Amino acid sequence: MGKAKALLEIRSLARSHTRTAIRVLVGIMRCKDATPAARVSAANAILDRGWGKATQPLENGGDGALELIHRIERVIVHPDGSAESD
Protein backbone atom coordinates (compact mmCIF):
# COMPACT_ATOMS: atom_id res chain seq x y z
CA MET A 1 0.00 0.00 0.00
CA GLY A 2 1.31 3.46 -0.88
CA LYS A 3 2.03 6.09 1.74
CA ALA A 4 -0.70 8.43 0.42
CA LYS A 5 -3.30 5.66 0.50
CA ALA A 6 -2.30 4.68 4.05
CA LEU A 7 -2.62 8.31 5.19
CA LEU A 8 -6.08 8.55 3.63
CA GLU A 9 -7.15 5.37 5.42
CA ILE A 10 -5.82 6.67 8.75
CA ARG A 11 -7.61 10.00 8.24
CA SER A 12 -10.84 8.21 7.36
CA LEU A 13 -10.60 5.93 10.40
CA ALA A 14 -9.90 8.89 12.70
CA ARG A 15 -12.83 10.84 11.27
CA SER A 16 -15.14 7.89 11.83
CA HIS A 17 -14.57 8.39 15.58
CA THR A 18 -15.39 12.10 15.58
CA ARG A 19 -18.69 11.87 17.43
CA THR A 20 -17.22 9.67 20.15
CA ALA A 21 -14.19 11.92 20.54
CA ILE A 22 -16.35 15.04 20.87
CA ARG A 23 -18.53 13.29 23.45
CA VAL A 24 -15.41 12.34 25.44
CA LEU A 25 -14.14 15.92 25.30
CA VAL A 26 -17.51 17.25 26.45
CA GLY A 27 -17.55 14.67 29.25
CA ILE A 28 -14.11 15.78 30.45
CA MET A 29 -15.07 19.44 30.16
CA ARG A 30 -18.16 18.89 32.31
CA CYS A 31 -16.56 16.49 34.82
CA LYS A 32 -16.25 18.11 38.24
CA ASP A 33 -13.59 15.53 39.21
CA ALA A 34 -11.34 16.34 36.24
CA THR A 35 -8.47 18.72 36.86
CA PRO A 36 -9.03 22.31 35.79
CA ALA A 37 -6.24 21.90 33.23
CA ALA A 38 -7.97 18.88 31.69
CA ARG A 39 -11.30 20.71 31.58
CA VAL A 40 -9.77 23.78 29.92
CA SER A 41 -7.86 21.61 27.45
CA ALA A 42 -11.04 19.76 26.49
CA ALA A 43 -12.99 23.02 26.15
CA ASN A 44 -10.27 24.50 23.94
CA ALA A 45 -10.20 21.39 21.76
CA ILE A 46 -13.97 21.61 21.28
CA LEU A 47 -13.83 25.31 20.41
CA ASP A 48 -10.90 24.78 18.02
CA ARG A 49 -12.79 22.10 16.12
CA GLY A 50 -16.04 24.03 16.03
CA TRP A 51 -14.74 27.52 15.34
CA GLY A 52 -11.10 27.10 14.31
CA LYS A 53 -8.06 28.16 16.26
CA ALA A 54 -7.90 31.79 17.31
CA THR A 55 -5.44 33.83 15.30
CA GLN A 56 -2.32 34.85 17.12
CA PRO A 57 -0.98 38.39 16.71
CA LEU A 58 2.51 38.66 15.28
CA GLU A 59 5.01 40.03 17.72
CA ASN A 60 8.10 41.74 16.46
CA GLY A 61 10.98 40.22 18.36
CA GLY A 62 14.50 41.52 18.32
CA ASP A 63 15.29 39.42 15.25
CA GLY A 64 13.48 41.80 12.87
CA ALA A 65 11.22 39.06 11.49
CA LEU A 66 8.22 41.37 11.14
CA GLU A 67 10.23 43.92 9.17
CA LEU A 68 11.50 41.15 6.91
CA ILE A 69 7.97 39.93 6.25
CA HIS A 70 6.84 43.49 5.50
CA ARG A 71 9.79 43.99 3.14
CA ILE A 72 9.08 40.73 1.30
CA GLU A 73 5.44 41.77 0.95
CA ARG A 74 6.41 45.15 -0.51
CA VAL A 75 8.83 43.55 -2.99
CA ILE A 76 6.33 40.94 -4.15
CA VAL A 77 3.17 43.04 -4.16
CA HIS A 78 4.71 46.36 -5.24
CA PRO A 79 7.99 45.53 -7.01
CA ASP A 80 8.18 48.99 -8.63
CA GLY A 81 8.15 50.71 -5.22
CA SER A 82 4.81 52.43 -5.87
CA ALA A 83 3.33 51.45 -2.49
CA GLU A 84 2.80 54.14 0.07
CA SER A 85 5.27 53.96 2.94
CA ASP A 86 4.03 53.45 6.49
PDB file of N, CA and C in Angstrom:
ATOM      1  N   MET A   1       0.856  -1.181   0.000  1.00  0.00           N
ATOM      2  CA  MET A   1       0.000   0.000   0.000  1.00  0.00           C
ATOM      3  C   MET A   1       0.896   1.236   0.000  1.00  0.00           C
ATOM      4  N   GLY A   2       0.535   2.228  -0.809  1.00  0.00           N
ATOM      5  CA  GLY A   2       1.308   3.459  -0.877  1.00  0.00           C
ATOM      6  C   GLY A   2       1.115   4.318   0.357  1.00  0.00           C
ATOM      7  N   LYS A   3       2.070   5.201   0.567  1.00  0.00           N
ATOM      8  CA  LYS A   3       2.028   6.087   1.736  1.00  0.00           C
ATOM      9  C   LYS A   3       0.791   6.989   1.704  1.00  0.00           C
ATOM     10  N   ALA A   4       0.464   7.546   0.536  1.00  0.00           N
ATOM     11  CA  ALA A   4      -0.697   8.428   0.418  1.00  0.00           C
ATOM     12  C   ALA A   4      -1.989   7.675   0.738  1.00  0.00           C
ATOM     13  N   LYS A   5      -2.091   6.450   0.246  1.00  0.00           N
ATOM     14  CA  LYS A   5      -3.303   5.659   0.503  1.00  0.00           C
ATOM     15  C   LYS A   5      -3.412   5.321   1.986  1.00  0.00           C
ATOM     16  N   ALA A   6      -2.294   4.992   2.608  1.00  0.00           N
ATOM     17  CA  ALA A   6      -2.297   4.683   4.045  1.00  0.00           C
ATOM     18  C   ALA A   6      -2.729   5.904   4.855  1.00  0.00           C
ATOM     19  N   LEU A   7      -2.225   7.085   4.481  1.00  0.00           N
ATOM     20  CA  LEU A   7      -2.616   8.310   5.192  1.00  0.00           C
ATOM     21  C   LEU A   7      -4.102   8.591   5.035  1.00  0.00           C
ATOM     22  N   LEU A   8      -4.639   8.346   3.848  1.00  0.00           N
ATOM     23  CA  LEU A   8      -6.076   8.548   3.629  1.00  0.00           C
ATOM     24  C   LEU A   8      -6.895   7.594   4.485  1.00  0.00           C
ATOM     25  N   GLU A   9      -6.432   6.344   4.605  1.00  0.00           N
ATOM     26  CA  GLU A   9      -7.154   5.373   5.424  1.00  0.00           C
ATOM     27  C   GLU A   9      -7.103   5.758   6.901  1.00  0.00           C
ATOM     28  N   ILE A  10      -5.956   6.237   7.355  1.00  0.00           N
ATOM     29  CA  ILE A  10      -5.824   6.671   8.748  1.00  0.00           C
ATOM     30  C   ILE A  10      -6.730   7.863   9.013  1.00  0.00           C
ATOM     31  N   ARG A  11      -6.743   8.825   8.090  1.00  0.00           N
ATOM     32  CA  ARG A  11      -7.613  10.004   8.243  1.00  0.00           C
ATOM     33  C   ARG A  11      -9.078   9.581   8.286  1.00  0.00           C
ATOM     34  N   SER A  12      -9.466   8.681   7.406  1.00  0.00           N
ATOM     35  CA  SER A  12     -10.845   8.206   7.360  1.00  0.00           C
ATOM     36  C   SER A  12     -11.225   7.495   8.657  1.00  0.00           C
ATOM     37  N   LEU A  13     -10.336   6.642   9.149  1.00  0.00           N
ATOM     38  CA  LEU A  13     -10.595   5.930  10.396  1.00  0.00           C
ATOM     39  C   LEU A  13     -10.739   6.913  11.558  1.00  0.00           C
ATOM     40  N   ALA A  14      -9.834   7.886  11.627  1.00  0.00           N
ATOM     41  CA  ALA A  14      -9.900   8.887  12.699  1.00  0.00           C
ATOM     42  C   ALA A  14     -11.204   9.666  12.624  1.00  0.00           C
ATOM     43  N   ARG A  15     -11.589  10.053  11.427  1.00  0.00           N
ATOM     44  CA  ARG A  15     -12.827  10.837  11.270  1.00  0.00           C
ATOM     45  C   ARG A  15     -14.059  10.026  11.629  1.00  0.00           C
ATOM     46  N   SER A  16     -13.991   8.721  11.482  1.00  0.00           N
ATOM     47  CA  SER A  16     -15.145   7.890  11.828  1.00  0.00           C
ATOM     48  C   SER A  16     -15.402   7.892  13.338  1.00  0.00           C
ATOM     49  N   HIS A  17     -14.436   8.330  14.123  1.00  0.00           N
ATOM     50  CA  HIS A  17     -14.571   8.388  15.579  1.00  0.00           C
ATOM     51  C   HIS A  17     -14.841   9.802  16.087  1.00  0.00           C
ATOM     52  N   THR A  18     -15.197  10.707  15.205  1.00  0.00           N
ATOM     53  CA  THR A  18     -15.389  12.100  15.583  1.00  0.00           C
ATOM     54  C   THR A  18     -16.456  12.284  16.657  1.00  0.00           C
ATOM     55  N   ARG A  19     -17.607  11.691  16.458  1.00  0.00           N
ATOM     56  CA  ARG A  19     -18.694  11.870  17.435  1.00  0.00           C
ATOM     57  C   ARG A  19     -18.285  11.385  18.820  1.00  0.00           C
ATOM     58  N   THR A  20     -17.661  10.217  18.865  1.00  0.00           N
ATOM     59  CA  THR A  20     -17.223   9.673  20.152  1.00  0.00           C
ATOM     60  C   THR A  20     -16.183  10.579  20.794  1.00  0.00           C
ATOM     61  N   ALA A  21     -15.245  11.062  20.003  1.00  0.00           N
ATOM     62  CA  ALA A  21     -14.188  11.924  20.536  1.00  0.00           C
ATOM     63  C   ALA A  21     -14.768  13.218  21.094  1.00  0.00           C
ATOM     64  N   ILE A  22     -15.712  13.806  20.380  1.00  0.00           N
ATOM     65  CA  ILE A  22     -16.346  15.036  20.869  1.00  0.00           C
ATOM     66  C   ILE A  22     -17.100  14.761  22.155  1.00  0.00           C
ATOM     67  N   ARG A  23     -17.792  13.632  22.219  1.00  0.00           N
ATOM     68  CA  ARG A  23     -18.527  13.287  23.446  1.00  0.00           C
ATOM     69  C   ARG A  23     -17.560  13.122  24.625  1.00  0.00           C
ATOM     70  N   VAL A  24     -16.409  12.499  24.377  1.00  0.00           N
ATOM     71  CA  VAL A  24     -15.414  12.338  25.443  1.00  0.00           C
ATOM     72  C   VAL A  24     -14.906  13.704  25.899  1.00  0.00           C
ATOM     73  N   LEU A  25     -14.600  14.583  24.946  1.00  0.00           N
ATOM     74  CA  LEU A  25     -14.135  15.921  25.302  1.00  0.00           C
ATOM     75  C   LEU A  25     -15.183  16.672  26.110  1.00  0.00           C
ATOM     76  N   VAL A  26     -16.440  16.580  25.706  1.00  0.00           N
ATOM     77  CA  VAL A  26     -17.512  17.251  26.448  1.00  0.00           C
ATOM     78  C   VAL A  26     -17.628  16.645  27.849  1.00  0.00           C
ATOM     79  N   GLY A  27     -17.496  15.327  27.944  1.00  0.00           N
ATOM     80  CA  GLY A  27     -17.549  14.671  29.249  1.00  0.00           C
ATOM     81  C   GLY A  27     -16.445  15.154  30.173  1.00  0.00           C
ATOM     82  N   ILE A  28     -15.235  15.282  29.641  1.00  0.00           N
ATOM     83  CA  ILE A  28     -14.115  15.779  30.446  1.00  0.00           C
ATOM     84  C   ILE A  28     -14.357  17.232  30.839  1.00  0.00           C
ATOM     85  N   MET A  29     -14.820  18.026  29.901  1.00  0.00           N
ATOM     86  CA  MET A  29     -15.069  19.443  30.161  1.00  0.00           C
ATOM     87  C   MET A  29     -16.090  19.622  31.286  1.00  0.00           C
ATOM     88  N   ARG A  30     -17.091  18.765  31.315  1.00  0.00           N
ATOM     89  CA  ARG A  30     -18.162  18.889  32.313  1.00  0.00           C
ATOM     90  C   ARG A  30     -17.876  18.166  33.627  1.00  0.00           C
ATOM     91  N   CYS A  31     -16.850  17.324  33.648  1.00  0.00           N
ATOM     92  CA  CYS A  31     -16.565  16.493  34.818  1.00  0.00           C
ATOM     93  C   CYS A  31     -15.991  17.323  35.956  1.00  0.00           C
ATOM     94  N   LYS A  32     -16.707  17.342  37.075  1.00  0.00           N
ATOM     95  CA  LYS A  32     -16.253  18.115  38.241  1.00  0.00           C
ATOM     96  C   LYS A  32     -14.997  17.501  38.869  1.00  0.00           C
ATOM     97  N   ASP A  33     -14.761  16.198  38.636  1.00  0.00           N
ATOM     98  CA  ASP A  33     -13.590  15.531  39.214  1.00  0.00           C
ATOM     99  C   ASP A  33     -12.338  15.689  38.351  1.00  0.00           C
ATOM    100  N   ALA A  34     -12.495  16.134  37.115  1.00  0.00           N
ATOM    101  CA  ALA A  34     -11.337  16.339  36.239  1.00  0.00           C
ATOM    102  C   ALA A  34     -10.564  17.563  36.716  1.00  0.00           C
ATOM    103  N   THR A  35      -9.272  17.562  36.459  1.00  0.00           N
ATOM    104  CA  THR A  35      -8.465  18.716  36.856  1.00  0.00           C
ATOM    105  C   THR A  35      -8.888  19.930  36.021  1.00  0.00           C
ATOM    106  N   PRO A  36      -8.711  21.113  36.577  1.00  0.00           N
ATOM    107  CA  PRO A  36      -9.033  22.306  35.789  1.00  0.00           C
ATOM    108  C   PRO A  36      -8.269  22.342  34.455  1.00  0.00           C
ATOM    109  N   ALA A  37      -7.028  21.906  34.475  1.00  0.00           N
ATOM    110  CA  ALA A  37      -6.239  21.903  33.231  1.00  0.00           C
ATOM    111  C   ALA A  37      -6.860  20.977  32.185  1.00  0.00           C
ATOM    112  N   ALA A  38      -7.330  19.818  32.618  1.00  0.00           N
ATOM    113  CA  ALA A  38      -7.969  18.882  31.686  1.00  0.00           C
ATOM    114  C   ALA A  38      -9.272  19.459  31.144  1.00  0.00           C
ATOM    115  N   ARG A  39     -10.031  20.120  32.006  1.00  0.00           N
ATOM    116  CA  ARG A  39     -11.303  20.707  31.581  1.00  0.00           C
ATOM    117  C   ARG A  39     -11.074  21.831  30.570  1.00  0.00           C
ATOM    118  N   VAL A  40     -10.081  22.685  30.838  1.00  0.00           N
ATOM    119  CA  VAL A  40      -9.767  23.776  29.916  1.00  0.00           C
ATOM    120  C   VAL A  40      -9.255  23.219  28.591  1.00  0.00           C
ATOM    121  N   SER A  41      -8.401  22.216  28.663  1.00  0.00           N
ATOM    122  CA  SER A  41      -7.864  21.606  27.452  1.00  0.00           C
ATOM    123  C   SER A  41      -8.985  21.018  26.590  1.00  0.00           C
ATOM    124  N   ALA A  42      -9.914  20.329  27.222  1.00  0.00           N
ATOM    125  CA  ALA A  42     -11.044  19.764  26.494  1.00  0.00           C
ATOM    126  C   ALA A  42     -11.910  20.862  25.891  1.00  0.00           C
ATOM    127  N   ALA A  43     -12.173  21.902  26.657  1.00  0.00           N
ATOM    128  CA  ALA A  43     -12.987  23.020  26.153  1.00  0.00           C
ATOM    129  C   ALA A  43     -12.305  23.681  24.958  1.00  0.00           C
ATOM    130  N   ASN A  44     -11.001  23.898  25.059  1.00  0.00           N
ATOM    131  CA  ASN A  44     -10.266  24.501  23.939  1.00  0.00           C
ATOM    132  C   ASN A  44     -10.298  23.614  22.702  1.00  0.00           C
ATOM    133  N   ALA A  45     -10.158  22.307  22.893  1.00  0.00           N
ATOM    134  CA  ALA A  45     -10.195  21.386  21.760  1.00  0.00           C
ATOM    135  C   ALA A  45     -11.557  21.440  21.072  1.00  0.00           C
ATOM    136  N   ILE A  46     -12.618  21.522  21.858  1.00  0.00           N
ATOM    137  CA  ILE A  46     -13.967  21.605  21.284  1.00  0.00           C
ATOM    138  C   ILE A  46     -14.127  22.908  20.502  1.00  0.00           C
ATOM    139  N   LEU A  47     -13.716  24.015  21.093  1.00  0.00           N
ATOM    140  CA  LEU A  47     -13.830  25.309  20.410  1.00  0.00           C
ATOM    141  C   LEU A  47     -12.993  25.339  19.131  1.00  0.00           C
ATOM    142  N   ASP A  48     -11.771  24.794  19.199  1.00  0.00           N
ATOM    143  CA  ASP A  48     -10.905  24.779  18.017  1.00  0.00           C
ATOM    144  C   ASP A  48     -11.539  24.005  16.871  1.00  0.00           C
ATOM    145  N   ARG A  49     -12.176  22.907  17.179  1.00  0.00           N
ATOM    146  CA  ARG A  49     -12.786  22.104  16.121  1.00  0.00           C
ATOM    147  C   ARG A  49     -14.064  22.736  15.588  1.00  0.00           C
ATOM    148  N   GLY A  50     -14.787  23.419  16.462  1.00  0.00           N
ATOM    149  CA  GLY A  50     -16.039  24.033  16.026  1.00  0.00           C
ATOM    150  C   GLY A  50     -15.868  25.381  15.357  1.00  0.00           C
ATOM    151  N   TRP A  51     -14.892  26.145  15.813  1.00  0.00           N
ATOM    152  CA  TRP A  51     -14.736  27.520  15.340  1.00  0.00           C
ATOM    153  C   TRP A  51     -13.385  27.811  14.726  1.00  0.00           C
ATOM    154  N   GLY A  52     -12.461  26.873  14.800  1.00  0.00           N
ATOM    155  CA  GLY A  52     -11.104  27.099  14.308  1.00  0.00           C
ATOM    156  C   GLY A  52     -10.261  27.724  15.400  1.00  0.00           C
ATOM    157  N   LYS A  53      -8.970  27.588  15.260  1.00  0.00           N
ATOM    158  CA  LYS A  53      -8.063  28.155  16.264  1.00  0.00           C
ATOM    159  C   LYS A  53      -8.067  29.672  16.155  1.00  0.00           C
ATOM    160  N   ALA A  54      -7.965  30.327  17.283  1.00  0.00           N
ATOM    161  CA  ALA A  54      -7.904  31.786  17.308  1.00  0.00           C
ATOM    162  C   ALA A  54      -6.592  32.236  16.664  1.00  0.00           C
ATOM    163  N   THR A  55      -6.659  33.309  15.909  1.00  0.00           N
ATOM    164  CA  THR A  55      -5.444  33.827  15.296  1.00  0.00           C
ATOM    165  C   THR A  55      -4.558  34.448  16.371  1.00  0.00           C
ATOM    166  N   GLN A  56      -3.281  34.309  16.183  1.00  0.00           N
ATOM    167  CA  GLN A  56      -2.320  34.853  17.121  1.00  0.00           C
ATOM    168  C   GLN A  56      -1.678  36.091  16.507  1.00  0.00           C
ATOM    169  N   PRO A  57      -1.614  37.185  17.260  1.00  0.00           N
ATOM    170  CA  PRO A  57      -0.979  38.388  16.709  1.00  0.00           C
ATOM    171  C   PRO A  57       0.521  38.158  16.530  1.00  0.00           C
ATOM    172  N   LEU A  58       1.072  38.748  15.494  1.00  0.00           N
ATOM    173  CA  LEU A  58       2.508  38.664  15.275  1.00  0.00           C
ATOM    174  C   LEU A  58       3.204  39.639  16.207  1.00  0.00           C
ATOM    175  N   GLU A  59       4.214  39.150  16.872  1.00  0.00           N
ATOM    176  CA  GLU A  59       5.013  40.028  17.721  1.00  0.00           C
ATOM    177  C   GLU A  59       6.347  40.234  17.036  1.00  0.00           C
ATOM    178  N   ASN A  60       6.823  41.445  17.089  1.00  0.00           N
ATOM    179  CA  ASN A  60       8.101  41.742  16.464  1.00  0.00           C
ATOM    180  C   ASN A  60       9.196  41.590  17.503  1.00  0.00           C
ATOM    181  N   GLY A  61       9.875  40.452  17.435  1.00  0.00           N
ATOM    182  CA  GLY A  61      10.980  40.217  18.360  1.00  0.00           C
ATOM    183  C   GLY A  61      12.201  40.996  17.922  1.00  0.00           C
ATOM    184  N   GLY A  62      13.265  40.822  18.616  1.00  0.00           N
ATOM    185  CA  GLY A  62      14.501  41.516  18.321  1.00  0.00           C
ATOM    186  C   GLY A  62      15.172  41.052  17.044  1.00  0.00           C
ATOM    187  N   ASP A  63      14.645  39.956  16.444  1.00  0.00           N
ATOM    188  CA  ASP A  63      15.293  39.423  15.248  1.00  0.00           C
ATOM    189  C   ASP A  63      14.864  40.119  13.965  1.00  0.00           C
ATOM    190  N   GLY A  64      13.908  41.053  14.046  1.00  0.00           N
ATOM    191  CA  GLY A  64      13.483  41.802  12.869  1.00  0.00           C
ATOM    192  C   GLY A  64      12.622  41.008  11.898  1.00  0.00           C
ATOM    193  N   ALA A  65      12.013  39.914  12.368  1.00  0.00           N
ATOM    194  CA  ALA A  65      11.224  39.056  11.486  1.00  0.00           C
ATOM    195  C   ALA A  65      10.047  39.807  10.871  1.00  0.00           C
ATOM    196  N   LEU A  66       9.374  40.644  11.658  1.00  0.00           N
ATOM    197  CA  LEU A  66       8.223  41.372  11.138  1.00  0.00           C
ATOM    198  C   LEU A  66       8.640  42.344  10.038  1.00  0.00           C
ATOM    199  N   GLU A  67       9.751  43.018  10.226  1.00  0.00           N
ATOM    200  CA  GLU A  67      10.231  43.919   9.175  1.00  0.00           C
ATOM    201  C   GLU A  67      10.569  43.154   7.907  1.00  0.00           C
ATOM    202  N   LEU A  68      11.160  41.968   8.073  1.00  0.00           N
ATOM    203  CA  LEU A  68      11.505  41.151   6.912  1.00  0.00           C
ATOM    204  C   LEU A  68      10.252  40.729   6.160  1.00  0.00           C
ATOM    205  N   ILE A  69       9.228  40.312   6.890  1.00  0.00           N
ATOM    206  CA  ILE A  69       7.969  39.929   6.246  1.00  0.00           C
ATOM    207  C   ILE A  69       7.381  41.120   5.506  1.00  0.00           C
ATOM    208  N   HIS A  70       7.382  42.286   6.136  1.00  0.00           N
ATOM    209  CA  HIS A  70       6.845  43.488   5.501  1.00  0.00           C
ATOM    210  C   HIS A  70       7.637  43.825   4.236  1.00  0.00           C
ATOM    211  N   ARG A  71       8.947  43.689   4.303  1.00  0.00           N
ATOM    212  CA  ARG A  71       9.793  43.988   3.142  1.00  0.00           C
ATOM    213  C   ARG A  71       9.516  43.014   2.004  1.00  0.00           C
ATOM    214  N   ILE A  72       9.392  41.727   2.323  1.00  0.00           N
ATOM    215  CA  ILE A  72       9.081  40.732   1.296  1.00  0.00           C
ATOM    216  C   ILE A  72       7.745  41.051   0.646  1.00  0.00           C
ATOM    217  N   GLU A  73       6.762  41.420   1.469  1.00  0.00           N
ATOM    218  CA  GLU A  73       5.442  41.768   0.948  1.00  0.00           C
ATOM    219  C   GLU A  73       5.539  42.950  -0.014  1.00  0.00           C
ATOM    220  N   ARG A  74       6.282  43.971   0.357  1.00  0.00           N
ATOM    221  CA  ARG A  74       6.412  45.145  -0.511  1.00  0.00           C
ATOM    222  C   ARG A  74       7.081  44.775  -1.826  1.00  0.00           C
ATOM    223  N   VAL A  75       8.104  43.931  -1.775  1.00  0.00           N
ATOM    224  CA  VAL A  75       8.827  43.550  -2.990  1.00  0.00           C
ATOM    225  C   VAL A  75       7.934  42.720  -3.907  1.00  0.00           C
ATOM    226  N   ILE A  76       7.177  41.803  -3.340  1.00  0.00           N
ATOM    227  CA  ILE A  76       6.333  40.936  -4.154  1.00  0.00           C
ATOM    228  C   ILE A  76       5.108  41.678  -4.664  1.00  0.00           C
ATOM    229  N   VAL A  77       4.418  42.394  -3.789  1.00  0.00           N
ATOM    230  CA  VAL A  77       3.165  43.044  -4.162  1.00  0.00           C
ATOM    231  C   VAL A  77       3.406  44.331  -4.952  1.00  0.00           C
ATOM    232  N   HIS A  78       4.418  45.079  -4.588  1.00  0.00           N
ATOM    233  CA  HIS A  78       4.711  46.358  -5.236  1.00  0.00           C
ATOM    234  C   HIS A  78       6.177  46.409  -5.661  1.00  0.00           C
ATOM    235  N   PRO A  79       6.568  45.604  -6.653  1.00  0.00           N
ATOM    236  CA  PRO A  79       7.993  45.534  -7.013  1.00  0.00           C
ATOM    237  C   PRO A  79       8.547  46.853  -7.561  1.00  0.00           C
ATOM    238  N   ASP A  80       7.689  47.726  -8.065  1.00  0.00           N
ATOM    239  CA  ASP A  80       8.181  48.995  -8.635  1.00  0.00           C
ATOM    240  C   ASP A  80       8.331  50.076  -7.576  1.00  0.00           C
ATOM    241  N   GLY A  81       8.008  49.739  -6.305  1.00  0.00           N
ATOM    242  CA  GLY A  81       8.149  50.706  -5.215  1.00  0.00           C
ATOM    243  C   GLY A  81       7.034  51.724  -5.159  1.00  0.00           C
ATOM    244  N   SER A  82       5.896  51.456  -5.825  1.00  0.00           N
ATOM    245  CA  SER A  82       4.806  52.433  -5.873  1.00  0.00           C
ATOM    246  C   SER A  82       3.927  52.420  -4.633  1.00  0.00           C
ATOM    247  N   ALA A  83       4.162  51.494  -3.691  1.00  0.00           N
ATOM    248  CA  ALA A  83       3.328  51.446  -2.488  1.00  0.00           C
ATOM    249  C   ALA A  83       3.635  52.616  -1.587  1.00  0.00           C
ATOM    250  N   GLU A  84       2.601  53.067  -0.885  1.00  0.00           N
ATOM    251  CA  GLU A  84       2.803  54.141   0.072  1.00  0.00           C
ATOM    252  C   GLU A  84       3.610  53.604   1.241  1.00  0.00           C
ATOM    253  N   SER A  85       4.498  54.411   1.778  1.00  0.00           N
ATOM    254  CA  SER A  85       5.266  53.957   2.935  1.00  0.00           C
ATOM    255  C   SER A  85       4.458  54.176   4.192  1.00  0.00           C
ATOM    256  N   ASP A  86       4.777  53.352   5.226  1.00  0.00           N
ATOM    257  CA  ASP A  86       4.034  53.446   6.485  1.00  0.00           C
ATOM    258  C   ASP A  86       4.468  54.630   7.257  1.00  0.00           C
TER     259      ASP A  86
END
